[in-house]
């Protein structure tokens, strides 16, 4: 069974494309959703306290994710340290989950915005990149998120440029309106299934 990554910058439509793969029966693992569960683990919270201090915790002892985000998105070193706590664990959990799927499918997908940034692609058989040009991503994000253009641009600075991801990927989906996602997904699915 093959391990396939699906990546792309913030606002490019990864979730929409992932749903197309799920519709055709491909099991999908969403790294961010899975990583969110770590904030319920006392050992992980201890590591967060060591890295970022007491100020990122609520009075009840739970992590204040907004406080964490405001620190790490303004400090690349702290962001990198936080990600180095999360990503090895995510990949380990993904591989265990993938084994549980192996009887029913020739491949599974892990979706993560930062596969290339943290060299997670080296543990995968192939990567699919979702591409959408910068201004259209900003337009969609302004509609979706309660954030300013400056905040969105700042978040994008923490990811590789979309063109770099596209160049490094094995497959690319151009996620424009009028460019049918379903057809592109079906084509890539057939290519992955054909590869031995």
N, C-alpha and C. Protein backbone atom coordinates (compact mmCIF):
# COMPACT_ATOMS: atom_id res chain seq x y z
N UNK A 1 0.83 -1.19 0.00
CA UNK A 1 0.00 0.00 0.00
C UNK A 1 0.88 1.26 0.00
N UNK A 2 0.46 2.22 -0.80
CA UNK A 2 1.25 3.44 -0.93
C UNK A 2 0.78 4.51 0.06
N UNK A 3 1.75 5.31 0.52
CA UNK A 3 1.46 6.45 1.39
C UNK A 3 1.61 7.71 0.54
N UNK A 4 0.51 8.44 0.37
CA UNK A 4 0.50 9.61 -0.50
C UNK A 4 0.24 10.86 0.33
N UNK A 5 0.99 11.91 0.06
CA UNK A 5 0.76 13.19 0.73
C UNK A 5 -0.07 14.11 -0.14
N UNK A 6 -0.87 14.94 0.50
CA UNK A 6 -1.61 15.97 -0.22
C UNK A 6 -1.31 17.29 0.48
N UNK A 7 -0.81 18.25 -0.27
CA UNK A 7 -0.38 19.51 0.34
C UNK A 7 -0.72 20.70 -0.54
N UNK A 8 -0.52 21.86 0.01
CA UNK A 8 -0.78 23.11 -0.70
C UNK A 8 -0.81 24.22 0.32
N UNK A 9 -0.66 25.44 -0.12
CA UNK A 9 -0.65 26.58 0.78
C UNK A 9 -2.02 26.85 1.37
N UNK A 10 -2.03 27.66 2.41
CA UNK A 10 -3.28 28.08 3.04
C UNK A 10 -4.20 28.71 1.99
N UNK A 11 -5.47 28.29 2.00
CA UNK A 11 -6.46 28.88 1.10
C UNK A 11 -6.52 28.30 -0.30
N UNK A 12 -5.76 27.22 -0.57
CA UNK A 12 -5.74 26.68 -1.94
C UNK A 12 -6.86 25.66 -2.20
N UNK A 13 -7.56 25.25 -1.13
CA UNK A 13 -8.68 24.31 -1.33
C UNK A 13 -8.33 22.85 -1.07
N UNK A 14 -7.40 22.59 -0.16
CA UNK A 14 -7.00 21.20 0.14
C UNK A 14 -8.19 20.36 0.62
N UNK A 15 -9.01 20.96 1.49
CA UNK A 15 -10.14 20.21 2.07
C UNK A 15 -11.12 19.79 0.98
N UNK A 16 -11.40 20.69 0.05
CA UNK A 16 -12.34 20.39 -1.04
C UNK A 16 -11.81 19.25 -1.90
N UNK A 17 -10.52 19.29 -2.22
CA UNK A 17 -9.92 18.23 -3.03
C UNK A 17 -9.91 16.91 -2.25
N UNK A 18 -9.60 16.99 -0.97
CA UNK A 18 -9.58 15.79 -0.13
C UNK A 18 -10.94 15.10 -0.14
N UNK A 19 -12.02 15.91 -0.08
CA UNK A 19 -13.37 15.34 -0.12
C UNK A 19 -13.61 14.57 -1.42
N UNK A 20 -13.03 15.04 -2.52
CA UNK A 20 -13.18 14.32 -3.80
C UNK A 20 -12.51 12.94 -3.72
N UNK A 21 -11.35 12.88 -3.07
CA UNK A 21 -10.69 11.57 -2.90
C UNK A 21 -11.52 10.67 -1.97
N UNK A 22 -12.08 11.26 -0.90
CA UNK A 22 -12.90 10.47 0.01
C UNK A 22 -14.14 9.92 -0.71
N UNK A 23 -14.72 10.73 -1.60
CA UNK A 23 -15.92 10.29 -2.35
C UNK A 23 -15.66 9.04 -3.17
N UNK A 24 -14.39 8.89 -3.66
CA UNK A 24 -14.10 7.70 -4.47
C UNK A 24 -13.50 6.58 -3.61
N UNK A 25 -13.61 6.74 -2.28
CA UNK A 25 -13.25 5.65 -1.38
C UNK A 25 -11.81 5.62 -0.88
N UNK A 26 -11.06 6.70 -1.08
CA UNK A 26 -9.67 6.72 -0.60
C UNK A 26 -9.66 7.17 0.87
N UNK A 27 -9.09 6.35 1.78
CA UNK A 27 -9.01 6.77 3.18
C UNK A 27 -8.06 7.96 3.33
N UNK A 28 -8.49 8.98 4.07
CA UNK A 28 -7.71 10.21 4.21
C UNK A 28 -7.50 10.55 5.69
N UNK A 29 -6.29 10.97 5.99
CA UNK A 29 -5.86 11.31 7.34
C UNK A 29 -5.52 12.80 7.34
N UNK A 30 -6.19 13.59 8.17
CA UNK A 30 -5.97 15.04 8.19
C UNK A 30 -5.04 15.37 9.35
N UNK A 31 -3.82 15.76 9.03
CA UNK A 31 -2.78 15.96 10.03
C UNK A 31 -3.20 16.97 11.10
N UNK A 32 -3.76 18.13 10.69
CA UNK A 32 -4.13 19.17 11.66
C UNK A 32 -5.19 18.69 12.65
N UNK A 33 -6.21 17.99 12.14
CA UNK A 33 -7.27 17.49 13.02
C UNK A 33 -6.71 16.51 14.03
N UNK A 34 -5.80 15.67 13.55
CA UNK A 34 -5.20 14.68 14.43
C UNK A 34 -4.31 15.35 15.47
N UNK A 35 -3.51 16.32 15.02
CA UNK A 35 -2.60 17.02 15.93
C UNK A 35 -3.38 17.78 17.00
N UNK A 36 -4.59 18.23 16.68
CA UNK A 36 -5.41 18.97 17.66
C UNK A 36 -5.71 18.11 18.89
N UNK A 37 -5.77 16.80 18.71
CA UNK A 37 -6.07 15.90 19.85
C UNK A 37 -4.91 15.85 20.84
N UNK A 38 -3.71 16.21 20.42
CA UNK A 38 -2.55 16.17 21.32
C UNK A 38 -2.69 17.16 22.47
N UNK A 39 -3.50 18.20 22.26
CA UNK A 39 -3.68 19.21 23.30
C UNK A 39 -4.51 18.69 24.48
N UNK A 40 -4.98 17.43 24.38
CA UNK A 40 -5.66 16.78 25.50
C UNK A 40 -4.71 15.87 26.26
N UNK A 41 -3.46 15.78 25.82
CA UNK A 41 -2.47 14.87 26.39
C UNK A 41 -1.56 15.64 27.36
N UNK A 42 -1.53 15.21 28.62
CA UNK A 42 -0.78 15.94 29.65
C UNK A 42 0.71 16.02 29.35
N UNK A 43 1.29 14.98 28.74
CA UNK A 43 2.72 15.00 28.41
C UNK A 43 3.02 16.05 27.35
N UNK A 44 2.14 16.14 26.37
CA UNK A 44 2.30 17.14 25.31
C UNK A 44 2.18 18.55 25.89
N UNK A 45 1.21 18.74 26.79
CA UNK A 45 1.01 20.06 27.41
C UNK A 45 2.23 20.47 28.24
N UNK A 46 2.88 19.49 28.84
CA UNK A 46 4.11 19.75 29.60
C UNK A 46 5.20 20.28 28.67
N UNK A 47 5.30 19.67 27.48
CA UNK A 47 6.29 20.11 26.49
C UNK A 47 5.97 21.53 26.00
N UNK A 48 4.68 21.83 25.82
CA UNK A 48 4.25 23.17 25.40
C UNK A 48 4.62 24.20 26.48
N UNK A 49 4.38 23.85 27.74
CA UNK A 49 4.69 24.75 28.85
C UNK A 49 6.19 25.06 28.88
N UNK A 50 7.00 24.01 28.64
CA UNK A 50 8.46 24.17 28.62
C UNK A 50 8.89 25.10 27.48
N UNK A 51 8.24 24.93 26.33
CA UNK A 51 8.61 25.69 25.14
C UNK A 51 8.11 27.13 25.18
N UNK A 52 6.85 27.34 25.61
CA UNK A 52 6.22 28.66 25.48
C UNK A 52 5.87 29.35 26.80
N UNK A 53 5.97 28.62 27.90
CA UNK A 53 5.70 29.24 29.21
C UNK A 53 4.24 29.16 29.63
N UNK A 54 3.98 29.72 30.82
CA UNK A 54 2.65 29.64 31.44
C UNK A 54 1.61 30.52 30.76
N UNK A 55 2.07 31.56 30.05
CA UNK A 55 1.13 32.53 29.48
C UNK A 55 0.21 31.94 28.41
N UNK A 56 0.53 30.77 27.87
CA UNK A 56 -0.31 30.18 26.82
C UNK A 56 -1.32 29.17 27.39
N UNK A 57 -1.51 29.23 28.71
CA UNK A 57 -2.47 28.32 29.34
C UNK A 57 -3.63 29.09 29.96
N UNK A 58 -4.82 28.51 29.86
CA UNK A 58 -6.02 29.08 30.49
C UNK A 58 -5.99 28.75 31.99
N UNK A 59 -6.80 29.46 32.80
CA UNK A 59 -6.82 29.18 34.25
C UNK A 59 -7.13 27.72 34.59
N UNK A 60 -7.92 27.04 33.71
CA UNK A 60 -8.26 25.63 34.00
C UNK A 60 -7.15 24.66 33.58
N UNK A 61 -6.01 25.19 33.08
CA UNK A 61 -4.89 24.32 32.72
C UNK A 61 -4.87 23.88 31.26
N UNK A 62 -5.94 24.22 30.52
CA UNK A 62 -5.97 23.85 29.09
C UNK A 62 -5.13 24.86 28.29
N UNK A 63 -4.67 24.42 27.14
CA UNK A 63 -3.86 25.29 26.29
C UNK A 63 -4.74 26.33 25.60
N UNK A 64 -4.26 27.55 25.54
CA UNK A 64 -4.95 28.63 24.83
C UNK A 64 -4.35 28.67 23.42
N UNK A 65 -5.05 28.06 22.48
CA UNK A 65 -4.48 27.91 21.12
C UNK A 65 -4.27 29.26 20.42
N UNK A 66 -5.12 30.24 20.72
CA UNK A 66 -4.93 31.58 20.12
C UNK A 66 -3.64 32.22 20.62
N UNK A 67 -3.37 32.05 21.91
CA UNK A 67 -2.13 32.60 22.49
C UNK A 67 -0.92 31.90 21.90
N UNK A 68 -1.03 30.59 21.72
CA UNK A 68 0.07 29.82 21.10
C UNK A 68 0.31 30.33 19.69
N UNK A 69 -0.78 30.46 18.91
CA UNK A 69 -0.66 30.91 17.51
C UNK A 69 -0.04 32.29 17.43
N UNK A 70 -0.45 33.20 18.33
CA UNK A 70 0.08 34.56 18.23
C UNK A 70 1.58 34.61 18.53
N UNK A 71 2.06 33.68 19.35
CA UNK A 71 3.51 33.62 19.61
C UNK A 71 4.24 32.98 18.43
N UNK A 72 3.79 31.78 18.02
CA UNK A 72 4.58 31.04 17.03
C UNK A 72 4.53 31.65 15.63
N UNK A 73 3.44 32.33 15.30
CA UNK A 73 3.39 32.92 13.96
C UNK A 73 4.23 34.19 13.85
N UNK A 74 4.73 34.66 15.00
CA UNK A 74 5.62 35.82 14.99
C UNK A 74 7.06 35.45 15.37
N UNK A 75 7.31 34.17 15.54
CA UNK A 75 8.64 33.71 15.95
C UNK A 75 8.94 32.39 15.26
N UNK A 76 9.70 32.48 14.16
CA UNK A 76 9.94 31.28 13.33
C UNK A 76 10.62 30.16 14.09
N UNK A 77 11.51 30.54 15.03
CA UNK A 77 12.23 29.52 15.81
C UNK A 77 11.26 28.74 16.70
N UNK A 78 10.34 29.48 17.34
CA UNK A 78 9.35 28.81 18.22
C UNK A 78 8.36 27.98 17.39
N UNK A 79 8.00 28.49 16.22
CA UNK A 79 7.12 27.74 15.33
C UNK A 79 7.78 26.42 14.93
N UNK A 80 9.05 26.50 14.58
CA UNK A 80 9.80 25.31 14.20
C UNK A 80 9.89 24.32 15.36
N UNK A 81 10.12 24.83 16.56
CA UNK A 81 10.20 23.96 17.75
C UNK A 81 8.86 23.29 18.03
N UNK A 82 7.78 24.05 17.91
CA UNK A 82 6.44 23.47 18.12
C UNK A 82 6.17 22.38 17.09
N UNK A 83 6.49 22.69 15.83
CA UNK A 83 6.25 21.70 14.78
C UNK A 83 7.11 20.45 14.96
N UNK A 84 8.31 20.61 15.53
CA UNK A 84 9.16 19.43 15.74
C UNK A 84 8.63 18.56 16.89
N UNK A 85 7.76 19.12 17.74
CA UNK A 85 7.08 18.31 18.75
C UNK A 85 5.92 17.54 18.11
N UNK A 86 5.27 18.19 17.16
CA UNK A 86 4.03 17.64 16.60
C UNK A 86 4.28 16.66 15.44
N UNK A 87 5.12 17.04 14.48
CA UNK A 87 5.14 16.30 13.21
C UNK A 87 5.70 14.88 13.26
N UNK A 88 6.74 14.60 14.03
CA UNK A 88 7.16 13.20 14.11
C UNK A 88 6.05 12.31 14.68
N UNK A 89 5.32 12.86 15.66
CA UNK A 89 4.22 12.11 16.27
C UNK A 89 3.07 11.91 15.28
N UNK A 90 2.77 12.95 14.50
CA UNK A 90 1.71 12.84 13.49
C UNK A 90 2.06 11.74 12.48
N UNK A 91 3.32 11.74 12.03
CA UNK A 91 3.72 10.73 11.03
C UNK A 91 3.65 9.32 11.60
N UNK A 92 4.03 9.17 12.86
CA UNK A 92 3.95 7.87 13.51
C UNK A 92 2.49 7.40 13.60
N UNK A 93 1.60 8.32 14.00
CA UNK A 93 0.18 8.00 14.09
C UNK A 93 -0.41 7.70 12.71
N UNK A 94 0.03 8.47 11.70
CA UNK A 94 -0.45 8.24 10.33
C UNK A 94 -0.06 6.84 9.86
N UNK A 95 1.18 6.45 10.11
CA UNK A 95 1.63 5.13 9.65
C UNK A 95 0.89 3.99 10.35
N UNK A 96 0.62 4.16 11.64
CA UNK A 96 -0.17 3.13 12.37
C UNK A 96 -1.59 3.06 11.80
N UNK A 97 -2.17 4.24 11.57
CA UNK A 97 -3.52 4.30 10.98
C UNK A 97 -3.52 3.67 9.59
N UNK A 98 -2.49 3.96 8.79
CA UNK A 98 -2.41 3.43 7.42
C UNK A 98 -2.39 1.91 7.43
N UNK A 99 -1.67 1.31 8.38
CA UNK A 99 -1.63 -0.16 8.49
C UNK A 99 -3.03 -0.73 8.72
N UNK A 100 -3.84 -0.01 9.49
CA UNK A 100 -5.19 -0.49 9.77
C UNK A 100 -6.10 -0.41 8.53
N UNK A 101 -5.69 0.36 7.53
CA UNK A 101 -6.48 0.53 6.29
C UNK A 101 -6.01 -0.40 5.18
N UNK A 102 -4.85 -1.03 5.35
CA UNK A 102 -4.15 -1.67 4.23
C UNK A 102 -4.93 -2.78 3.53
N UNK A 103 -5.86 -3.42 4.22
CA UNK A 103 -6.60 -4.51 3.57
C UNK A 103 -7.59 -4.00 2.54
N UNK A 104 -7.99 -2.72 2.68
CA UNK A 104 -9.11 -2.26 1.87
C UNK A 104 -8.74 -1.30 0.74
N UNK A 105 -7.46 -0.93 0.60
CA UNK A 105 -7.14 0.12 -0.37
C UNK A 105 -5.69 0.03 -0.87
N UNK A 106 -5.42 0.41 -2.12
CA UNK A 106 -4.03 0.39 -2.61
C UNK A 106 -3.22 1.59 -2.12
N UNK A 107 -3.91 2.66 -1.64
CA UNK A 107 -3.17 3.81 -1.11
C UNK A 107 -4.04 4.60 -0.14
N UNK A 108 -3.35 5.36 0.72
CA UNK A 108 -4.02 6.27 1.64
C UNK A 108 -3.37 7.64 1.48
N UNK A 109 -4.08 8.68 1.96
CA UNK A 109 -3.58 10.05 1.82
C UNK A 109 -3.45 10.68 3.21
N UNK A 110 -2.34 11.39 3.41
CA UNK A 110 -2.21 12.29 4.56
C UNK A 110 -2.23 13.71 4.02
N UNK A 111 -3.11 14.53 4.60
CA UNK A 111 -3.20 15.94 4.17
C UNK A 111 -2.50 16.81 5.19
N UNK A 112 -1.52 17.59 4.72
CA UNK A 112 -0.81 18.53 5.59
C UNK A 112 -0.29 19.69 4.75
N UNK A 113 -0.45 20.91 5.26
CA UNK A 113 0.02 22.09 4.53
C UNK A 113 1.54 22.16 4.48
N UNK A 114 2.22 21.50 5.43
CA UNK A 114 3.67 21.69 5.55
C UNK A 114 4.46 20.39 5.39
N UNK A 115 4.06 19.56 4.44
CA UNK A 115 4.79 18.31 4.17
C UNK A 115 6.23 18.59 3.75
N UNK A 116 6.40 19.52 2.83
CA UNK A 116 7.75 19.81 2.32
C UNK A 116 8.58 20.59 3.33
N UNK A 117 7.94 21.51 4.04
CA UNK A 117 8.66 22.36 4.98
C UNK A 117 9.37 21.55 6.06
N UNK A 118 8.79 20.42 6.45
CA UNK A 118 9.39 19.59 7.51
C UNK A 118 9.87 18.24 6.98
N UNK A 119 10.10 18.16 5.67
CA UNK A 119 10.66 16.96 5.01
C UNK A 119 9.84 15.69 5.27
N UNK A 120 8.55 15.85 5.51
CA UNK A 120 7.70 14.69 5.73
C UNK A 120 7.52 13.90 4.44
N UNK A 121 7.71 14.59 3.30
CA UNK A 121 7.58 13.92 2.00
C UNK A 121 8.59 12.77 1.85
N UNK A 122 9.71 12.83 2.59
CA UNK A 122 10.72 11.78 2.48
C UNK A 122 10.20 10.44 3.00
N UNK A 123 9.10 10.46 3.76
CA UNK A 123 8.52 9.23 4.30
C UNK A 123 7.31 8.75 3.48
N UNK A 124 7.08 9.41 2.35
CA UNK A 124 5.90 9.10 1.53
C UNK A 124 6.32 8.59 0.16
N UNK A 125 5.39 7.92 -0.51
CA UNK A 125 5.68 7.39 -1.85
C UNK A 125 5.49 8.45 -2.94
N UNK A 126 4.60 9.39 -2.70
CA UNK A 126 4.36 10.47 -3.68
C UNK A 126 3.60 11.58 -3.01
N UNK A 127 3.63 12.76 -3.63
CA UNK A 127 2.91 13.92 -3.08
C UNK A 127 2.08 14.58 -4.18
N UNK A 128 0.85 14.95 -3.80
CA UNK A 128 -0.05 15.71 -4.67
C UNK A 128 -0.07 17.14 -4.13
N UNK A 129 0.19 18.12 -4.98
CA UNK A 129 0.11 19.52 -4.56
C UNK A 129 -1.13 20.15 -5.19
N UNK A 130 -1.83 20.95 -4.36
CA UNK A 130 -2.98 21.70 -4.85
C UNK A 130 -2.48 23.11 -5.14
N UNK A 131 -2.72 23.59 -6.32
CA UNK A 131 -2.23 24.92 -6.70
C UNK A 131 -3.38 25.87 -6.99
N UNK A 132 -3.26 27.07 -6.43
CA UNK A 132 -4.16 28.17 -6.74
C UNK A 132 -3.33 29.43 -6.60
N UNK A 133 -3.44 30.33 -7.54
CA UNK A 133 -2.55 31.50 -7.50
C UNK A 133 -2.86 32.41 -6.30
N UNK A 134 -1.88 33.17 -5.92
CA UNK A 134 -1.83 33.94 -4.67
C UNK A 134 -3.05 34.83 -4.44
N UNK A 135 -3.41 35.66 -5.41
CA UNK A 135 -4.51 36.62 -5.21
C UNK A 135 -5.85 35.93 -4.98
N UNK A 136 -6.06 34.81 -5.67
CA UNK A 136 -7.32 34.08 -5.49
C UNK A 136 -7.36 33.43 -4.11
N UNK A 137 -6.22 32.97 -3.63
CA UNK A 137 -6.15 32.41 -2.27
C UNK A 137 -6.48 33.50 -1.23
N UNK A 138 -5.90 34.68 -1.41
CA UNK A 138 -6.17 35.80 -0.50
C UNK A 138 -7.66 36.14 -0.52
N UNK A 139 -8.23 36.20 -1.73
CA UNK A 139 -9.65 36.53 -1.85
C UNK A 139 -10.52 35.54 -1.08
N UNK A 140 -10.23 34.24 -1.25
CA UNK A 140 -11.01 33.21 -0.56
C UNK A 140 -10.83 33.29 0.95
N UNK A 141 -9.58 33.53 1.39
CA UNK A 141 -9.30 33.58 2.82
C UNK A 141 -9.95 34.79 3.50
N UNK A 142 -10.00 35.91 2.79
CA UNK A 142 -10.65 37.10 3.35
C UNK A 142 -12.14 36.84 3.57
N UNK A 143 -12.74 36.03 2.70
CA UNK A 143 -14.14 35.67 2.86
C UNK A 143 -14.33 34.65 3.99
N UNK A 144 -13.35 33.73 4.13
CA UNK A 144 -13.48 32.60 5.06
C UNK A 144 -13.05 32.94 6.49
N UNK A 145 -11.89 33.60 6.63
CA UNK A 145 -11.30 33.83 7.95
C UNK A 145 -11.57 35.25 8.43
N UNK A 146 -11.57 35.41 9.73
CA UNK A 146 -11.67 36.78 10.29
C UNK A 146 -10.25 37.28 10.46
N UNK A 147 -9.62 37.65 9.36
CA UNK A 147 -8.22 38.08 9.39
C UNK A 147 -8.03 39.19 8.36
N UNK A 148 -7.02 40.00 8.59
CA UNK A 148 -6.70 41.06 7.63
C UNK A 148 -5.79 40.49 6.55
N UNK A 149 -5.66 41.23 5.47
CA UNK A 149 -4.75 40.82 4.40
C UNK A 149 -3.32 40.67 4.94
N UNK A 150 -2.90 41.61 5.78
CA UNK A 150 -1.54 41.58 6.34
C UNK A 150 -1.33 40.30 7.16
N UNK A 151 -2.33 39.91 7.96
CA UNK A 151 -2.22 38.69 8.76
C UNK A 151 -2.14 37.45 7.86
N UNK A 152 -2.92 37.45 6.79
CA UNK A 152 -2.90 36.32 5.86
C UNK A 152 -1.55 36.21 5.15
N UNK A 153 -1.04 37.36 4.73
CA UNK A 153 0.27 37.37 4.05
C UNK A 153 1.36 36.84 5.00
N UNK A 154 1.24 37.23 6.28
CA UNK A 154 2.21 36.78 7.28
C UNK A 154 2.16 35.26 7.44
N UNK A 155 0.96 34.70 7.51
CA UNK A 155 0.81 33.24 7.63
C UNK A 155 1.41 32.55 6.41
N UNK A 156 1.18 33.13 5.24
CA UNK A 156 1.71 32.54 4.00
C UNK A 156 3.24 32.53 3.99
N UNK A 157 3.84 33.52 4.68
CA UNK A 157 5.30 33.60 4.74
C UNK A 157 5.91 32.39 5.47
N UNK A 158 5.10 31.73 6.32
CA UNK A 158 5.59 30.56 7.06
C UNK A 158 5.51 29.27 6.25
N UNK A 159 5.04 29.37 5.02
CA UNK A 159 4.96 28.20 4.13
C UNK A 159 5.79 28.46 2.88
N UNK A 160 6.22 27.37 2.26
CA UNK A 160 6.92 27.49 0.98
C UNK A 160 5.99 28.12 -0.05
N UNK A 161 6.53 28.85 -1.03
CA UNK A 161 5.68 29.38 -2.09
C UNK A 161 4.94 28.25 -2.82
N UNK A 162 3.72 28.55 -3.24
CA UNK A 162 2.90 27.54 -3.92
C UNK A 162 3.61 26.96 -5.14
N UNK A 163 4.36 27.80 -5.85
CA UNK A 163 5.06 27.34 -7.06
C UNK A 163 6.15 26.33 -6.71
N UNK A 164 6.80 26.51 -5.56
CA UNK A 164 7.83 25.57 -5.12
C UNK A 164 7.21 24.22 -4.79
N UNK A 165 6.08 24.25 -4.10
CA UNK A 165 5.38 22.99 -3.78
C UNK A 165 4.98 22.27 -5.06
N UNK A 166 4.49 23.04 -6.03
CA UNK A 166 4.06 22.47 -7.30
C UNK A 166 5.24 21.81 -8.02
N UNK A 167 6.40 22.48 -8.00
CA UNK A 167 7.60 21.94 -8.65
C UNK A 167 8.08 20.65 -8.00
N UNK A 168 7.93 20.55 -6.68
CA UNK A 168 8.45 19.40 -5.95
C UNK A 168 7.49 18.22 -5.90
N UNK A 169 6.23 18.46 -6.23
CA UNK A 169 5.21 17.40 -6.14
C UNK A 169 5.29 16.43 -7.31
N UNK A 170 4.74 15.24 -7.09
CA UNK A 170 4.66 14.23 -8.16
C UNK A 170 3.43 14.48 -9.03
N UNK A 171 2.37 15.01 -8.42
CA UNK A 171 1.12 15.29 -9.13
C UNK A 171 0.64 16.68 -8.70
N UNK A 172 -0.05 17.37 -9.61
CA UNK A 172 -0.56 18.71 -9.30
C UNK A 172 -2.03 18.79 -9.69
N UNK A 173 -2.82 19.38 -8.81
CA UNK A 173 -4.22 19.68 -9.11
C UNK A 173 -4.36 21.20 -9.16
N UNK A 174 -4.83 21.71 -10.29
CA UNK A 174 -5.07 23.16 -10.45
C UNK A 174 -6.50 23.42 -10.00
N UNK A 175 -6.64 24.09 -8.87
CA UNK A 175 -7.93 24.18 -8.20
C UNK A 175 -8.70 25.46 -8.54
N UNK A 176 -8.85 25.73 -9.83
CA UNK A 176 -9.61 26.90 -10.27
C UNK A 176 -11.06 26.53 -10.52
N UNK A 177 -11.94 27.51 -10.35
CA UNK A 177 -13.34 27.31 -10.76
C UNK A 177 -13.32 27.05 -12.27
N UNK A 178 -14.12 26.13 -12.70
CA UNK A 178 -14.18 25.84 -14.13
C UNK A 178 -13.12 24.84 -14.57
N UNK A 179 -12.28 24.39 -13.66
CA UNK A 179 -11.28 23.36 -13.97
C UNK A 179 -11.66 22.16 -13.10
N UNK A 180 -12.46 21.24 -13.63
CA UNK A 180 -13.13 20.24 -12.78
C UNK A 180 -12.17 19.44 -11.88
N UNK A 181 -12.37 19.61 -10.58
CA UNK A 181 -11.56 18.87 -9.59
C UNK A 181 -11.78 17.38 -9.72
N UNK A 182 -13.06 17.01 -9.91
CA UNK A 182 -13.43 15.60 -9.94
C UNK A 182 -12.64 14.85 -11.02
N UNK A 183 -12.52 15.45 -12.18
CA UNK A 183 -11.80 14.83 -13.30
C UNK A 183 -10.30 14.70 -12.99
N UNK A 184 -9.73 15.76 -12.39
CA UNK A 184 -8.31 15.73 -12.03
C UNK A 184 -8.03 14.67 -10.97
N UNK A 185 -8.92 14.58 -9.99
CA UNK A 185 -8.77 13.58 -8.92
C UNK A 185 -8.86 12.17 -9.50
N UNK A 186 -9.84 11.94 -10.38
CA UNK A 186 -10.00 10.61 -11.00
C UNK A 186 -8.76 10.23 -11.80
N UNK A 187 -8.19 11.20 -12.51
CA UNK A 187 -6.99 10.95 -13.32
C UNK A 187 -5.79 10.59 -12.43
N UNK A 188 -5.57 11.36 -11.37
CA UNK A 188 -4.45 11.09 -10.47
C UNK A 188 -4.66 9.76 -9.75
N UNK A 189 -5.90 9.49 -9.35
CA UNK A 189 -6.22 8.21 -8.72
C UNK A 189 -5.83 7.05 -9.64
N UNK A 190 -6.15 7.16 -10.93
CA UNK A 190 -5.83 6.07 -11.87
C UNK A 190 -4.31 5.92 -12.03
N UNK A 191 -3.58 7.04 -12.04
CA UNK A 191 -2.11 6.97 -12.15
C UNK A 191 -1.48 6.31 -10.93
N UNK A 192 -1.96 6.66 -9.74
CA UNK A 192 -1.42 6.06 -8.51
C UNK A 192 -1.71 4.56 -8.48
N UNK A 193 -2.92 4.18 -8.88
CA UNK A 193 -3.28 2.75 -8.86
C UNK A 193 -2.47 1.95 -9.87
N UNK A 194 -2.11 2.58 -10.99
CA UNK A 194 -1.32 1.86 -12.03
C UNK A 194 0.13 1.64 -11.61
N UNK A 195 0.68 2.56 -10.79
CA UNK A 195 2.10 2.48 -10.41
C UNK A 195 2.30 1.35 -9.44
N UNK A 196 3.26 0.51 -9.73
CA UNK A 196 3.56 -0.63 -8.81
C UNK A 196 4.64 -0.24 -7.84
